[in-house]
Amino acid sequence: MAVCNFSECKLNWYYYDGVCVSKCPSGTYGFSDEAKAVCTDCHYSCLTCSGSSNTDCVSCHEDAELSTNLGEPVCVLRELSWTMRSTLWFYQMTVLFSVNVVAFGVIILYMMAKWYLRRRNSKYSEVYGYYKVLYTNDVNACKDGSQEGACLSDSE
């Protein structure tokens, strides 16, 4: 490895610490644009990475593990990993519980509205004398037999 300027590095080589390298060392990643190709430091939580963000970690230091947080890989200290997973689980269960409570509430409201409307309709039929009249020639069709050719019913 010869000392060089980043403009002197071959194609697909990177400038790092005064020299041109074909592969960036651990803790850095290759970044190139039209003007230069350099090895840039990873996020401090990453051992190896594909970019500068904490969500670009490929591997972690010994005291951390690669974990997925909302679909993104991040390095989390082993001591905090369980806490992070349990917090995510608790959040998911809280959302699920809330959805169930809302669904149960909607069902209860529907049942109460249905009960109220039935009760209201039956009160109107008692107060205002609304009855369904069934006209028939069959005398046996009326259970009480009090009407000839017509039966009164207050049920639907």
N, C-alpha and C. Protein backbone atom coordinates (compact mmCIF):
# COMPACT_ATOMS: atom_id res chain seq x y z
N MET A 1 0.84 -1.18 0.00
CA MET A 1 0.00 0.00 0.00
C MET A 1 0.89 1.24 0.00
N ALA A 2 0.73 2.00 -1.01
CA ALA A 2 1.51 3.22 -1.14
C ALA A 2 0.69 4.41 -0.67
N VAL A 3 1.39 5.41 -0.14
CA VAL A 3 0.72 6.64 0.26
C VAL A 3 0.25 7.34 -0.99
N CYS A 4 -1.01 7.80 -0.95
CA CYS A 4 -1.57 8.42 -2.15
C CYS A 4 -2.60 9.47 -1.77
N ASN A 5 -3.08 10.14 -2.78
CA ASN A 5 -4.16 11.09 -2.65
C ASN A 5 -5.42 10.38 -3.12
N PHE A 6 -6.59 10.72 -2.57
CA PHE A 6 -7.80 9.97 -2.95
C PHE A 6 -8.11 10.09 -4.43
N SER A 7 -7.62 11.11 -5.09
CA SER A 7 -7.85 11.25 -6.53
C SER A 7 -6.97 10.29 -7.33
N GLU A 8 -5.95 9.70 -6.68
CA GLU A 8 -5.05 8.79 -7.36
C GLU A 8 -5.46 7.33 -7.22
N CYS A 9 -6.49 7.01 -6.44
CA CYS A 9 -6.90 5.62 -6.23
C CYS A 9 -7.50 5.05 -7.50
N LYS A 10 -7.25 3.74 -7.72
CA LYS A 10 -7.81 3.05 -8.88
C LYS A 10 -9.33 2.99 -8.77
N LEU A 11 -9.96 2.65 -9.87
CA LEU A 11 -11.41 2.49 -9.90
C LEU A 11 -11.81 1.37 -8.93
N ASN A 12 -12.85 1.60 -8.16
CA ASN A 12 -13.37 0.67 -7.14
C ASN A 12 -12.42 0.46 -5.96
N TRP A 13 -11.47 1.36 -5.77
CA TRP A 13 -10.62 1.38 -4.59
C TRP A 13 -11.01 2.60 -3.77
N TYR A 14 -10.68 2.56 -2.49
CA TYR A 14 -11.09 3.63 -1.57
C TYR A 14 -9.88 4.22 -0.87
N TYR A 15 -9.97 5.50 -0.61
CA TYR A 15 -8.93 6.21 0.11
C TYR A 15 -9.22 6.08 1.61
N TYR A 16 -8.22 5.59 2.37
CA TYR A 16 -8.40 5.45 3.82
C TYR A 16 -7.07 5.72 4.52
N ASP A 17 -7.07 6.68 5.39
CA ASP A 17 -5.92 6.98 6.25
C ASP A 17 -4.63 7.16 5.44
N GLY A 18 -4.74 7.88 4.32
CA GLY A 18 -3.56 8.21 3.52
C GLY A 18 -3.17 7.16 2.51
N VAL A 19 -3.91 6.05 2.42
CA VAL A 19 -3.56 4.99 1.46
C VAL A 19 -4.81 4.57 0.69
N CYS A 20 -4.58 3.92 -0.46
CA CYS A 20 -5.68 3.38 -1.25
C CYS A 20 -5.87 1.91 -0.88
N VAL A 21 -7.12 1.52 -0.60
CA VAL A 21 -7.42 0.13 -0.21
C VAL A 21 -8.54 -0.40 -1.09
N SER A 22 -8.50 -1.73 -1.35
CA SER A 22 -9.54 -2.33 -2.18
C SER A 22 -10.81 -2.59 -1.37
N LYS A 23 -10.64 -2.76 -0.06
CA LYS A 23 -11.78 -3.01 0.82
C LYS A 23 -11.61 -2.17 2.08
N CYS A 24 -12.67 -1.51 2.48
CA CYS A 24 -12.59 -0.67 3.68
C CYS A 24 -12.47 -1.55 4.92
N PRO A 25 -11.68 -1.11 5.91
CA PRO A 25 -11.51 -1.90 7.13
C PRO A 25 -12.77 -1.90 8.01
N SER A 26 -12.77 -2.78 9.00
CA SER A 26 -13.89 -2.88 9.93
C SER A 26 -14.13 -1.53 10.60
N GLY A 27 -15.39 -1.17 10.76
CA GLY A 27 -15.75 0.11 11.37
C GLY A 27 -15.92 1.22 10.36
N THR A 28 -15.69 0.91 9.07
CA THR A 28 -15.87 1.89 8.00
C THR A 28 -16.64 1.25 6.85
N TYR A 29 -17.10 2.09 5.96
CA TYR A 29 -17.78 1.61 4.75
C TYR A 29 -17.33 2.46 3.58
N GLY A 30 -17.41 1.89 2.38
CA GLY A 30 -16.99 2.60 1.18
C GLY A 30 -18.04 3.58 0.71
N PHE A 31 -17.63 4.82 0.53
CA PHE A 31 -18.51 5.86 0.00
C PHE A 31 -17.84 6.47 -1.22
N SER A 32 -18.58 6.54 -2.32
CA SER A 32 -17.99 7.14 -3.52
C SER A 32 -19.01 8.03 -4.21
N ASP A 33 -18.50 9.09 -4.79
CA ASP A 33 -19.30 9.96 -5.65
C ASP A 33 -18.44 10.29 -6.87
N GLU A 34 -18.82 11.27 -7.62
CA GLU A 34 -18.06 11.60 -8.84
C GLU A 34 -16.66 12.12 -8.54
N ALA A 35 -16.47 12.74 -7.38
CA ALA A 35 -15.19 13.36 -7.07
C ALA A 35 -14.23 12.45 -6.32
N LYS A 36 -14.76 11.55 -5.47
CA LYS A 36 -13.85 10.77 -4.62
C LYS A 36 -14.48 9.45 -4.21
N ALA A 37 -13.63 8.55 -3.74
CA ALA A 37 -14.06 7.29 -3.15
C ALA A 37 -13.26 7.13 -1.86
N VAL A 38 -13.95 7.17 -0.72
CA VAL A 38 -13.27 7.14 0.58
C VAL A 38 -13.95 6.13 1.50
N CYS A 39 -13.20 5.71 2.53
CA CYS A 39 -13.77 4.90 3.60
C CYS A 39 -14.24 5.85 4.69
N THR A 40 -15.50 5.76 5.03
CA THR A 40 -16.11 6.64 6.02
C THR A 40 -16.50 5.82 7.25
N ASP A 41 -16.42 6.43 8.41
CA ASP A 41 -16.73 5.72 9.66
C ASP A 41 -18.20 5.30 9.72
N CYS A 42 -18.40 4.10 10.28
CA CYS A 42 -19.76 3.61 10.56
C CYS A 42 -20.31 4.35 11.78
N HIS A 43 -21.58 4.19 12.01
CA HIS A 43 -22.19 4.67 13.26
C HIS A 43 -21.47 3.98 14.41
N TYR A 44 -21.31 4.65 15.54
CA TYR A 44 -20.52 4.09 16.63
C TYR A 44 -21.05 2.76 17.16
N SER A 45 -22.33 2.46 16.95
CA SER A 45 -22.88 1.20 17.46
C SER A 45 -22.59 0.01 16.54
N CYS A 46 -22.13 0.27 15.31
CA CYS A 46 -21.90 -0.81 14.33
C CYS A 46 -20.44 -1.24 14.30
N LEU A 47 -20.21 -2.54 14.15
CA LEU A 47 -18.86 -3.04 13.91
C LEU A 47 -18.56 -2.96 12.42
N THR A 48 -19.48 -3.44 11.60
CA THR A 48 -19.40 -3.27 10.14
C THR A 48 -20.75 -2.73 9.68
N CYS A 49 -20.73 -2.03 8.54
CA CYS A 49 -21.96 -1.37 8.10
C CYS A 49 -21.98 -1.18 6.59
N SER A 50 -23.13 -0.72 6.13
CA SER A 50 -23.27 -0.40 4.71
C SER A 50 -23.57 1.09 4.51
N GLY A 51 -23.60 1.85 5.60
CA GLY A 51 -23.87 3.29 5.55
C GLY A 51 -23.58 3.92 6.90
N SER A 52 -23.85 5.21 7.02
CA SER A 52 -23.48 5.94 8.23
C SER A 52 -24.53 5.90 9.34
N SER A 53 -25.72 5.45 9.05
CA SER A 53 -26.81 5.47 10.03
C SER A 53 -26.74 4.26 10.96
N ASN A 54 -27.39 4.35 12.11
CA ASN A 54 -27.45 3.20 13.02
C ASN A 54 -28.33 2.08 12.46
N THR A 55 -29.10 2.37 11.42
CA THR A 55 -29.93 1.34 10.78
C THR A 55 -29.20 0.68 9.60
N ASP A 56 -27.93 1.02 9.40
CA ASP A 56 -27.14 0.43 8.32
C ASP A 56 -26.14 -0.60 8.84
N CYS A 57 -26.31 -1.04 10.09
CA CYS A 57 -25.38 -2.01 10.68
C CYS A 57 -25.50 -3.36 9.99
N VAL A 58 -24.36 -3.99 9.76
CA VAL A 58 -24.31 -5.35 9.23
C VAL A 58 -23.92 -6.31 10.35
N SER A 59 -22.99 -5.88 11.21
CA SER A 59 -22.62 -6.66 12.40
C SER A 59 -22.36 -5.69 13.55
N CYS A 60 -22.37 -6.24 14.76
CA CYS A 60 -22.28 -5.40 15.96
C CYS A 60 -21.03 -5.76 16.78
N HIS A 61 -20.70 -4.90 17.74
CA HIS A 61 -19.61 -5.17 18.68
C HIS A 61 -20.01 -6.35 19.57
N GLU A 62 -19.04 -6.89 20.32
CA GLU A 62 -19.27 -8.08 21.14
C GLU A 62 -20.39 -7.92 22.16
N ASP A 63 -20.53 -6.73 22.73
CA ASP A 63 -21.53 -6.53 23.79
C ASP A 63 -22.92 -6.18 23.26
N ALA A 64 -23.10 -6.27 21.94
CA ALA A 64 -24.39 -5.92 21.33
C ALA A 64 -24.84 -7.01 20.38
N GLU A 65 -26.11 -6.97 20.03
CA GLU A 65 -26.64 -7.92 19.05
C GLU A 65 -27.47 -7.16 18.02
N LEU A 66 -27.48 -7.71 16.81
CA LEU A 66 -28.25 -7.11 15.72
C LEU A 66 -29.71 -7.46 15.93
N SER A 67 -30.53 -6.46 16.06
CA SER A 67 -31.96 -6.66 16.33
C SER A 67 -32.75 -5.84 15.32
N THR A 68 -33.98 -6.23 15.10
CA THR A 68 -34.84 -5.50 14.17
C THR A 68 -35.78 -4.61 14.96
N ASN A 69 -35.76 -3.33 14.66
CA ASN A 69 -36.63 -2.37 15.32
C ASN A 69 -37.47 -1.70 14.25
N LEU A 70 -38.76 -2.03 14.20
CA LEU A 70 -39.69 -1.50 13.20
C LEU A 70 -39.17 -1.74 11.78
N GLY A 71 -38.64 -2.94 11.57
CA GLY A 71 -38.18 -3.34 10.24
C GLY A 71 -36.77 -2.92 9.89
N GLU A 72 -36.09 -2.22 10.77
CA GLU A 72 -34.73 -1.75 10.50
C GLU A 72 -33.75 -2.48 11.41
N PRO A 73 -32.62 -2.96 10.87
CA PRO A 73 -31.63 -3.61 11.72
C PRO A 73 -30.83 -2.58 12.52
N VAL A 74 -30.74 -2.78 13.82
CA VAL A 74 -29.96 -1.90 14.69
C VAL A 74 -29.18 -2.74 15.69
N CYS A 75 -28.05 -2.21 16.14
CA CYS A 75 -27.28 -2.88 17.18
C CYS A 75 -27.78 -2.40 18.54
N VAL A 76 -28.15 -3.37 19.38
CA VAL A 76 -28.68 -3.06 20.71
C VAL A 76 -27.81 -3.78 21.73
N LEU A 77 -27.47 -3.09 22.81
CA LEU A 77 -26.70 -3.74 23.87
C LEU A 77 -27.44 -4.97 24.34
N ARG A 78 -26.70 -6.05 24.58
CA ARG A 78 -27.33 -7.31 25.01
C ARG A 78 -28.14 -7.10 26.29
N GLU A 79 -27.67 -6.24 27.18
CA GLU A 79 -28.38 -5.97 28.43
C GLU A 79 -29.75 -5.34 28.18
N LEU A 80 -29.87 -4.57 27.10
CA LEU A 80 -31.12 -3.87 26.82
C LEU A 80 -32.00 -4.58 25.79
N SER A 81 -31.48 -5.61 25.16
CA SER A 81 -32.21 -6.28 24.09
C SER A 81 -33.54 -6.85 24.56
N TRP A 82 -33.54 -7.54 25.71
CA TRP A 82 -34.78 -8.12 26.23
C TRP A 82 -35.78 -7.02 26.54
N THR A 83 -35.32 -5.94 27.15
CA THR A 83 -36.20 -4.82 27.49
C THR A 83 -36.83 -4.24 26.24
N MET A 84 -36.04 -4.11 25.20
CA MET A 84 -36.55 -3.55 23.95
C MET A 84 -37.61 -4.47 23.33
N ARG A 85 -37.34 -5.78 23.31
CA ARG A 85 -38.31 -6.73 22.75
C ARG A 85 -39.59 -6.76 23.58
N SER A 86 -39.46 -6.74 24.92
CA SER A 86 -40.66 -6.79 25.76
C SER A 86 -41.47 -5.50 25.63
N THR A 87 -40.80 -4.38 25.46
CA THR A 87 -41.52 -3.12 25.27
C THR A 87 -42.29 -3.14 23.96
N LEU A 88 -41.69 -3.66 22.91
CA LEU A 88 -42.37 -3.77 21.62
C LEU A 88 -43.55 -4.72 21.73
N TRP A 89 -43.37 -5.85 22.43
CA TRP A 89 -44.46 -6.81 22.63
C TRP A 89 -45.60 -6.15 23.41
N PHE A 90 -45.27 -5.40 24.46
CA PHE A 90 -46.29 -4.73 25.27
C PHE A 90 -47.06 -3.72 24.41
N TYR A 91 -46.37 -2.99 23.57
CA TYR A 91 -47.02 -2.02 22.68
C TYR A 91 -47.99 -2.73 21.74
N GLN A 92 -47.55 -3.84 21.13
CA GLN A 92 -48.41 -4.58 20.21
C GLN A 92 -49.64 -5.13 20.93
N MET A 93 -49.47 -5.65 22.13
CA MET A 93 -50.60 -6.18 22.89
C MET A 93 -51.57 -5.07 23.30
N THR A 94 -51.04 -3.89 23.61
CA THR A 94 -51.89 -2.76 23.96
C THR A 94 -52.75 -2.35 22.77
N VAL A 95 -52.16 -2.30 21.59
CA VAL A 95 -52.92 -1.97 20.38
C VAL A 95 -53.99 -3.02 20.12
N LEU A 96 -53.63 -4.30 20.24
CA LEU A 96 -54.59 -5.39 20.03
C LEU A 96 -55.73 -5.32 21.04
N PHE A 97 -55.41 -5.07 22.30
CA PHE A 97 -56.43 -4.94 23.34
C PHE A 97 -57.36 -3.77 23.03
N SER A 98 -56.80 -2.65 22.61
CA SER A 98 -57.62 -1.47 22.29
C SER A 98 -58.58 -1.76 21.14
N VAL A 99 -58.11 -2.46 20.13
CA VAL A 99 -58.98 -2.82 19.00
C VAL A 99 -60.12 -3.71 19.49
N ASN A 100 -59.81 -4.67 20.37
CA ASN A 100 -60.86 -5.54 20.91
C ASN A 100 -61.86 -4.77 21.75
N VAL A 101 -61.40 -3.83 22.56
CA VAL A 101 -62.31 -3.04 23.39
C VAL A 101 -63.25 -2.22 22.50
N VAL A 102 -62.72 -1.61 21.46
CA VAL A 102 -63.55 -0.82 20.55
C VAL A 102 -64.57 -1.72 19.85
N ALA A 103 -64.15 -2.88 19.38
CA ALA A 103 -65.08 -3.81 18.72
C ALA A 103 -66.17 -4.26 19.69
N PHE A 104 -65.80 -4.59 20.91
CA PHE A 104 -66.78 -5.00 21.91
C PHE A 104 -67.75 -3.86 22.21
N GLY A 105 -67.25 -2.64 22.31
CA GLY A 105 -68.10 -1.48 22.55
C GLY A 105 -69.09 -1.26 21.43
N VAL A 106 -68.65 -1.42 20.20
CA VAL A 106 -69.55 -1.26 19.05
C VAL A 106 -70.65 -2.32 19.09
N ILE A 107 -70.30 -3.55 19.43
CA ILE A 107 -71.30 -4.61 19.52
C ILE A 107 -72.31 -4.30 20.62
N ILE A 108 -71.85 -3.86 21.77
CA ILE A 108 -72.75 -3.51 22.88
C ILE A 108 -73.67 -2.37 22.47
N LEU A 109 -73.13 -1.33 21.84
CA LEU A 109 -73.97 -0.21 21.40
C LEU A 109 -75.02 -0.67 20.39
N TYR A 110 -74.65 -1.54 19.48
CA TYR A 110 -75.60 -2.07 18.50
C TYR A 110 -76.72 -2.82 19.20
N MET A 111 -76.35 -3.67 20.15
CA MET A 111 -77.36 -4.46 20.86
C MET A 111 -78.29 -3.56 21.68
N MET A 112 -77.74 -2.53 22.32
CA MET A 112 -78.57 -1.60 23.10
C MET A 112 -79.51 -0.82 22.19
N ALA A 113 -79.03 -0.37 21.04
CA ALA A 113 -79.88 0.37 20.11
C ALA A 113 -80.99 -0.52 19.58
N LYS A 114 -80.67 -1.75 19.28
CA LYS A 114 -81.68 -2.69 18.79
C LYS A 114 -82.74 -2.95 19.86
N TRP A 115 -82.32 -3.15 21.10
CA TRP A 115 -83.25 -3.36 22.22
C TRP A 115 -84.14 -2.13 22.41
N TYR A 116 -83.54 -0.94 22.38
CA TYR A 116 -84.30 0.29 22.56
C TYR A 116 -85.35 0.46 21.47
N LEU A 117 -84.96 0.23 20.22
CA LEU A 117 -85.90 0.40 19.11
C LEU A 117 -87.04 -0.62 19.20
N ARG A 118 -86.76 -1.83 19.58
CA ARG A 118 -87.83 -2.82 19.74
C ARG A 118 -88.78 -2.41 20.86
N ARG A 119 -88.21 -1.96 21.96
CA ARG A 119 -89.04 -1.54 23.10
C ARG A 119 -89.90 -0.33 22.73
N ARG A 120 -89.30 0.61 22.03
CA ARG A 120 -90.03 1.80 21.62
C ARG A 120 -91.17 1.43 20.68
N ASN A 121 -90.91 0.55 19.73
CA ASN A 121 -91.95 0.12 18.79
C ASN A 121 -93.07 -0.61 19.50
N SER A 122 -92.76 -1.43 20.50
CA SER A 122 -93.82 -2.15 21.21
C SER A 122 -94.64 -1.19 22.07
N LYS A 123 -94.04 -0.14 22.62
CA LYS A 123 -94.79 0.86 23.39
C LYS A 123 -95.78 1.59 22.48
N TYR A 124 -95.34 1.96 21.28
CA TYR A 124 -96.24 2.66 20.36
C TYR A 124 -97.42 1.78 19.97
N SER A 125 -97.20 0.50 19.79
CA SER A 125 -98.31 -0.37 19.41
C SER A 125 -99.29 -0.51 20.56
N GLU A 126 -98.81 -0.48 21.81
CA GLU A 126 -99.72 -0.56 22.96
C GLU A 126 -100.47 0.75 23.16
N VAL A 127 -99.77 1.87 23.06
CA VAL A 127 -100.38 3.17 23.33
C VAL A 127 -101.32 3.59 22.22
N TYR A 128 -100.91 3.46 20.99
CA TYR A 128 -101.71 3.96 19.88
C TYR A 128 -102.57 2.90 19.22
N GLY A 129 -102.53 1.69 19.70
CA GLY A 129 -103.39 0.64 19.18
C GLY A 129 -103.00 0.14 17.81
N TYR A 130 -101.72 0.16 17.49
CA TYR A 130 -101.28 -0.38 16.22
C TYR A 130 -101.18 -1.89 16.34
N TYR A 131 -101.92 -2.56 15.52
CA TYR A 131 -101.87 -4.02 15.50
C TYR A 131 -101.85 -4.47 14.07
N LYS A 132 -101.27 -5.62 13.86
CA LYS A 132 -101.34 -6.22 12.53
C LYS A 132 -102.62 -7.04 12.48
N VAL A 133 -103.32 -6.92 11.40
CA VAL A 133 -104.57 -7.66 11.24
C VAL A 133 -104.37 -8.68 10.14
N LEU A 134 -104.71 -9.91 10.46
CA LEU A 134 -104.60 -11.00 9.51
C LEU A 134 -106.00 -11.41 9.12
N TYR A 135 -106.33 -11.26 7.86
CA TYR A 135 -107.64 -11.67 7.37
C TYR A 135 -107.52 -13.04 6.75
N THR A 136 -108.42 -13.93 7.15
CA THR A 136 -108.38 -15.28 6.62
C THR A 136 -109.78 -15.88 6.65
N ASN A 137 -110.00 -16.86 5.84
CA ASN A 137 -111.26 -17.60 5.85
C ASN A 137 -111.17 -18.83 6.74
N ASP A 138 -109.97 -19.11 7.21
CA ASP A 138 -109.76 -20.28 8.06
C ASP A 138 -110.03 -19.89 9.51
N VAL A 139 -111.09 -20.41 10.10
CA VAL A 139 -111.47 -20.07 11.47
C VAL A 139 -110.43 -20.60 12.45
N ASN A 140 -109.77 -21.66 12.11
CA ASN A 140 -108.78 -22.26 13.01
C ASN A 140 -107.46 -21.48 13.01
N ALA A 141 -107.31 -20.50 12.13
CA ALA A 141 -106.06 -19.73 12.06
C ALA A 141 -105.90 -18.84 13.28
N CYS A 142 -106.99 -18.36 13.86
CA CYS A 142 -106.93 -17.51 15.05
C CYS A 142 -106.87 -18.39 16.28
N LYS A 143 -105.91 -18.16 17.12
CA LYS A 143 -105.74 -19.00 18.30
C LYS A 143 -106.83 -18.77 19.34
N ASP A 144 -107.22 -17.51 19.52
CA ASP A 144 -108.24 -17.27 20.54
C ASP A 144 -109.65 -17.46 20.01
N GLY A 145 -109.81 -17.47 18.71
CA GLY A 145 -111.11 -17.75 18.10
C GLY A 145 -112.15 -16.68 18.33
N SER A 146 -111.75 -15.50 18.79
CA SER A 146 -112.73 -14.47 19.12
C SER A 146 -113.20 -13.69 17.90
N GLN A 147 -112.46 -13.68 16.86
CA GLN A 147 -112.83 -12.91 15.67
C GLN A 147 -113.22 -13.86 14.55
N GLU A 148 -114.19 -13.47 13.81
CA GLU A 148 -114.57 -14.27 12.65
C GLU A 148 -113.90 -13.69 11.42
N GLY A 149 -112.99 -14.45 10.82
CA GLY A 149 -112.34 -14.03 9.58
C GLY A 149 -111.20 -13.06 9.77
N ALA A 150 -110.89 -12.61 10.99
CA ALA A 150 -109.79 -11.68 11.21
C ALA A 150 -109.11 -12.02 12.53
N CYS A 151 -107.80 -11.91 12.53
CA CYS A 151 -107.03 -12.16 13.75
C CYS A 151 -106.21 -10.92 14.05
N LEU A 152 -106.12 -10.54 15.32
CA LEU A 152 -105.32 -9.40 15.73
C LEU A 152 -104.00 -9.91 16.31
N SER A 153 -102.94 -9.20 15.98
CA SER A 153 -101.63 -9.59 16.50
C SER A 153 -100.84 -8.33 16.81
N ASP A 154 -100.19 -8.28 17.97
CA ASP A 154 -99.34 -7.13 18.28
C ASP A 154 -97.86 -7.48 18.13
N SER A 155 -97.59 -8.66 17.65
CA SER A 155 -96.19 -9.04 17.42
C SER A 155 -95.87 -8.92 15.94
N GLU A 156 -94.58 -8.86 15.67
CA GLU A 156 -94.16 -8.71 14.28
C GLU A 156 -93.84 -10.03 13.67
